Amino acid sequence: MTEATRKTRVVVLLSGSGSNFAAIAAAASNGTLPVEIVAAVSDRPAAFGLERARTLGITAIAVSPRDYPDRASHDLALLDAIDKLAPDLVVCAGYMRIFSPAFVRHYSGRLLNIHPSLLPAYKGLDTHRRALEDGATVHGCSVHYVTEELDGGPVVGQASVPVLPQDTAESLAERVHHAEHRLYPEVVGWYASGRLRMDGQVVFLDGAPISHPVHRSYADATE
């Protein structure tokens, strides 16, 4: 296989059910996403996402923080496990730990995350509840490069969904998840096809710097 046709090697980090991992894996399997998922890696040995990976014949690896005295040593072990897989891109898909600065610097420019809000709104946790409490009429998700600032790296793409009058945090979360499963494979595809890169803190898409994230609106997001 030539360099031009080699698929982008992706490692997916997850902590829970791995639904975004499954969406990316499905796109890779059906040929719409030119990537090879070489492993799913979790901080939780019992994460259902690892079982999803095993079912798909993808390497599943657990690196539990309980086996290490502090975050720095755990992240070094995580970094070592990832580097042995020689990935081109590391994708965070519901990975719930904050990385050490050394980890982020090591993967700078090839570490993506999806966050369940339209950043910079609602950084951190409980995004759906907070959106409802604020009376938001539009909510969504953001794919961004990971930097040392929590949920503060350059945002590449966003997808919005309507907030319905009858929404609960749970029903809104389901709608946002549906949007995530469409947006994340698309953005990963931009990276895999060479369209997306980050230089310093500037993100380039198709060779041009982007001043605003690419936006998708999923008014049909009902799942």
Protein backbone atom coordinates (compact mmCIF):
# COMPACT_ATOMS: atom_id res chain seq x y z
CA MET A 1 0.00 0.00 0.00
CA THR A 2 1.40 3.39 -1.01
CA GLU A 3 1.50 6.40 1.29
CA ALA A 4 -1.20 8.00 -0.87
CA THR A 5 -3.62 5.13 -0.32
CA ARG A 6 -2.73 4.21 3.26
CA LYS A 7 -5.63 4.68 5.62
CA THR A 8 -5.20 7.05 8.54
CA ARG A 9 -4.47 5.10 11.69
CA VAL A 10 -6.81 6.14 14.51
CA VAL A 11 -6.83 5.33 18.21
CA VAL A 12 -10.10 6.09 19.98
CA LEU A 13 -10.16 6.96 23.69
CA LEU A 14 -13.38 6.31 25.59
CA SER A 15 -14.70 5.92 29.11
CA GLY A 16 -18.26 4.73 28.62
CA SER A 17 -20.55 3.08 26.12
CA GLY A 18 -18.56 4.18 23.10
CA SER A 19 -21.43 5.33 20.90
CA ASN A 20 -19.26 7.86 19.07
CA PHE A 21 -16.62 5.17 18.66
CA ALA A 22 -19.30 2.94 17.13
CA ALA A 23 -20.37 5.73 14.74
CA ILE A 24 -16.81 6.26 13.55
CA ALA A 25 -16.22 2.51 13.25
CA ALA A 26 -19.40 2.13 11.19
CA ALA A 27 -18.29 4.87 8.80
CA ALA A 28 -14.88 3.25 8.50
CA SER A 29 -16.45 -0.17 7.88
CA ASN A 30 -18.80 0.99 5.13
CA GLY A 31 -16.02 2.79 3.28
CA THR A 32 -17.20 6.37 3.78
CA LEU A 33 -14.36 7.17 6.19
CA PRO A 34 -10.77 6.40 5.08
CA VAL A 35 -9.44 5.38 8.47
CA GLU A 36 -8.27 2.24 10.22
CA ILE A 37 -9.24 2.15 13.88
CA VAL A 38 -6.26 0.34 15.36
CA ALA A 39 -7.54 0.28 18.95
CA ALA A 40 -10.06 1.51 21.47
CA VAL A 41 -8.39 2.54 24.72
CA SER A 42 -10.17 3.24 28.01
CA ASP A 43 -9.40 4.31 31.53
CA ARG A 44 -12.19 1.96 32.68
CA PRO A 45 -11.59 -1.76 32.14
CA ALA A 46 -15.34 -2.45 32.28
CA ALA A 47 -16.31 0.25 29.77
CA PHE A 48 -18.90 -1.07 27.32
CA GLY A 49 -17.03 0.67 24.53
CA LEU A 50 -14.22 -1.87 24.92
CA GLU A 51 -16.73 -4.68 24.47
CA ARG A 52 -18.00 -2.95 21.33
CA ALA A 53 -14.43 -2.93 20.03
CA ARG A 54 -13.88 -6.62 20.75
CA THR A 55 -17.12 -7.46 18.95
CA LEU A 56 -15.84 -5.56 15.91
CA GLY A 57 -12.47 -7.30 16.04
CA ILE A 58 -10.70 -4.10 17.11
CA THR A 59 -7.98 -4.18 19.76
CA ALA A 60 -9.34 -3.13 23.16
CA ILE A 61 -6.94 -1.80 25.80
CA ALA A 62 -7.56 -0.61 29.36
CA VAL A 63 -5.12 1.67 31.15
CA SER A 64 -6.67 2.17 34.58
CA PRO A 65 -5.59 5.16 36.70
CA ARG A 66 -6.00 2.93 39.76
CA ASP A 67 -2.78 1.21 38.76
CA TYR A 68 -0.74 4.45 38.98
CA PRO A 69 0.05 6.84 41.83
CA ASP A 70 -0.89 10.07 40.04
CA ARG A 71 -2.23 11.57 36.84
CA ALA A 72 1.18 12.21 35.34
CA SER A 73 2.32 8.59 35.66
CA HIS A 74 -1.01 7.32 34.36
CA ASP A 75 -0.80 9.62 31.35
CA LEU A 76 2.75 8.44 30.64
CA ALA A 77 1.52 4.85 30.62
CA LEU A 78 -1.42 5.85 28.41
CA LEU A 79 0.93 7.68 26.06
CA ASP A 80 3.21 4.65 25.86
CA ALA A 81 0.28 2.34 25.07
CA ILE A 82 -0.95 4.69 22.34
CA ASP A 83 2.45 5.28 20.78
CA LYS A 84 3.01 1.54 20.40
CA LEU A 85 0.01 1.60 18.05
CA ALA A 86 1.62 4.30 15.86
CA PRO A 87 -1.55 6.35 15.31
CA ASP A 88 -1.85 9.31 12.97
CA LEU A 89 -4.78 10.66 14.98
CA VAL A 90 -6.10 10.21 18.52
CA VAL A 91 -9.83 10.69 18.88
CA CYS A 92 -11.46 11.30 22.27
CA ALA A 93 -14.98 9.90 22.24
CA GLY A 94 -16.42 10.32 25.70
CA TYR A 95 -13.06 10.06 27.46
CA MET A 96 -13.76 11.57 30.87
CA ARG A 97 -10.29 12.29 32.26
CA ILE A 98 -8.37 15.54 31.98
CA PHE A 99 -5.00 15.06 30.30
CA SER A 100 -1.70 16.24 31.72
CA PRO A 101 0.02 19.07 29.81
CA ALA A 102 2.78 16.69 28.68
CA PHE A 103 0.22 14.35 27.12
CA VAL A 104 -1.50 17.18 25.27
CA ARG A 105 1.79 18.57 23.97
CA HIS A 106 2.88 15.14 22.75
CA TYR A 107 -0.21 14.78 20.55
CA SER A 108 -0.60 18.44 19.63
CA GLY A 109 -2.29 18.79 16.27
CA ARG A 110 -3.47 15.19 16.18
CA LEU A 111 -5.78 15.01 19.19
CA LEU A 112 -9.51 15.68 18.67
CA ASN A 113 -12.41 15.75 21.12
CA ILE A 114 -16.17 16.10 20.89
CA HIS A 115 -17.98 18.15 23.51
CA PRO A 116 -21.75 18.19 24.07
CA SER A 117 -22.35 21.92 23.69
CA LEU A 118 -21.87 24.73 21.23
CA LEU A 119 -18.54 25.91 22.58
CA PRO A 120 -17.56 28.24 24.14
CA ALA A 121 -20.94 27.82 25.86
CA TYR A 122 -21.14 25.26 28.65
CA LYS A 123 -17.61 24.04 29.03
CA GLY A 124 -17.26 21.18 31.48
CA LEU A 125 -20.02 18.86 32.67
CA ASP A 126 -23.84 18.81 32.82
CA THR A 127 -24.15 20.73 29.57
CA HIS A 128 -27.72 19.67 28.76
CA ARG A 129 -29.11 20.56 32.18
CA ARG A 130 -27.38 23.92 32.09
CA ALA A 131 -28.73 24.68 28.61
CA LEU A 132 -32.27 23.93 29.78
CA GLU A 133 -31.87 26.02 32.92
CA ASP A 134 -30.73 28.95 30.76
CA GLY A 135 -33.76 28.64 28.51
CA ALA A 136 -31.64 27.94 25.44
CA THR A 137 -33.58 27.31 22.24
CA VAL A 138 -30.61 25.80 20.39
CA HIS A 139 -28.04 23.36 21.72
CA GLY A 140 -25.57 21.00 20.10
CA CYS A 141 -22.03 19.68 20.00
CA SER A 142 -18.55 20.79 19.00
CA VAL A 143 -15.50 18.99 17.65
CA HIS A 144 -12.30 20.71 18.69
CA TYR A 145 -8.58 20.19 18.89
CA VAL A 146 -7.42 19.39 22.41
CA THR A 147 -5.11 21.91 24.04
CA GLU A 148 -4.04 22.49 27.62
CA GLU A 149 -7.13 24.67 28.20
CA LEU A 150 -10.08 22.47 29.17
CA ASP A 151 -12.62 22.45 26.31
CA GLY A 152 -10.78 25.49 24.99
CA GLY A 153 -8.93 24.27 21.92
CA PRO A 154 -9.76 25.55 18.42
CA VAL A 155 -13.24 24.42 17.38
CA VAL A 156 -13.41 22.81 13.96
CA GLY A 157 -17.04 21.88 13.50
CA GLN A 158 -20.34 22.30 15.31
CA ALA A 159 -23.79 20.81 14.93
CA SER A 160 -26.90 22.40 16.38
CA VAL A 161 -30.21 20.83 17.35
CA PRO A 162 -33.42 22.49 18.52
CA VAL A 163 -34.35 22.51 22.17
CA LEU A 164 -37.98 21.44 22.40
CA PRO A 165 -40.44 22.77 25.00
CA GLN A 166 -40.94 19.31 26.50
CA ASP A 167 -37.24 18.45 26.65
CA THR A 168 -35.58 16.99 29.71
CA ALA A 169 -31.84 16.76 30.12
CA GLU A 170 -32.12 13.11 29.03
CA SER A 171 -34.15 13.74 25.89
CA LEU A 172 -31.93 16.65 24.89
CA ALA A 173 -28.85 14.50 25.44
CA GLU A 174 -30.27 11.88 23.08
CA ARG A 175 -30.80 14.49 20.38
CA VAL A 176 -27.29 15.85 20.81
CA HIS A 177 -25.85 12.32 20.67
CA HIS A 178 -27.59 11.80 17.36
CA ALA A 179 -25.90 14.96 16.06
CA GLU A 180 -22.51 13.86 17.44
CA HIS A 181 -22.73 10.58 15.55
CA ARG A 182 -23.10 12.51 12.30
CA LEU A 183 -20.65 15.33 12.93
CA TYR A 184 -17.70 13.45 14.41
CA PRO A 185 -17.13 11.00 11.53
CA GLU A 186 -17.34 13.94 9.11
CA VAL A 187 -14.64 15.93 10.90
CA VAL A 188 -12.42 12.86 11.33
CA GLY A 189 -12.81 12.37 7.58
CA TRP A 190 -11.50 15.88 6.94
CA TYR A 191 -8.38 15.03 8.90
CA ALA A 192 -7.97 11.64 7.25
CA SER A 193 -8.24 13.11 3.77
CA GLY A 194 -5.62 15.76 4.50
CA ARG A 195 -8.09 18.64 4.46
CA LEU A 196 -7.74 19.53 8.14
CA ARG A 197 -4.66 20.54 10.10
CA MET A 198 -3.65 22.74 12.99
CA ASP A 199 -0.57 24.96 12.99
CA GLY A 200 0.01 26.52 16.37
CA GLN A 201 -3.48 27.64 17.40
CA VAL A 202 -4.69 28.19 13.85
CA VAL A 203 -6.86 25.57 12.17
CA PHE A 204 -6.74 25.17 8.41
CA LEU A 205 -9.41 23.51 6.29
CA ASP A 206 -8.63 22.98 2.62
CA GLY A 207 -5.56 25.17 3.03
CA ALA A 208 -7.39 28.21 4.38
CA PRO A 209 -7.55 29.29 8.03
CA ILE A 210 -11.03 29.03 9.50
CA SER A 211 -12.20 31.89 11.68
CA HIS A 212 -15.49 30.19 12.56
CA PRO A 213 -16.31 26.50 12.97
CA VAL A 214 -18.03 24.72 10.11
CA HIS A 215 -21.66 24.48 11.15
CA ARG A 216 -24.23 21.77 10.62
CA SER A 217 -27.87 22.06 11.65
CA TYR A 218 -29.74 18.85 12.43
CA ALA A 219 -33.35 19.90 12.86
CA ASP A 220 -34.29 16.30 12.09
CA ALA A 221 -32.31 14.97 15.07
CA THR A 222 -34.99 13.08 16.94
CA GLU A 223 -33.20 10.01 18.30
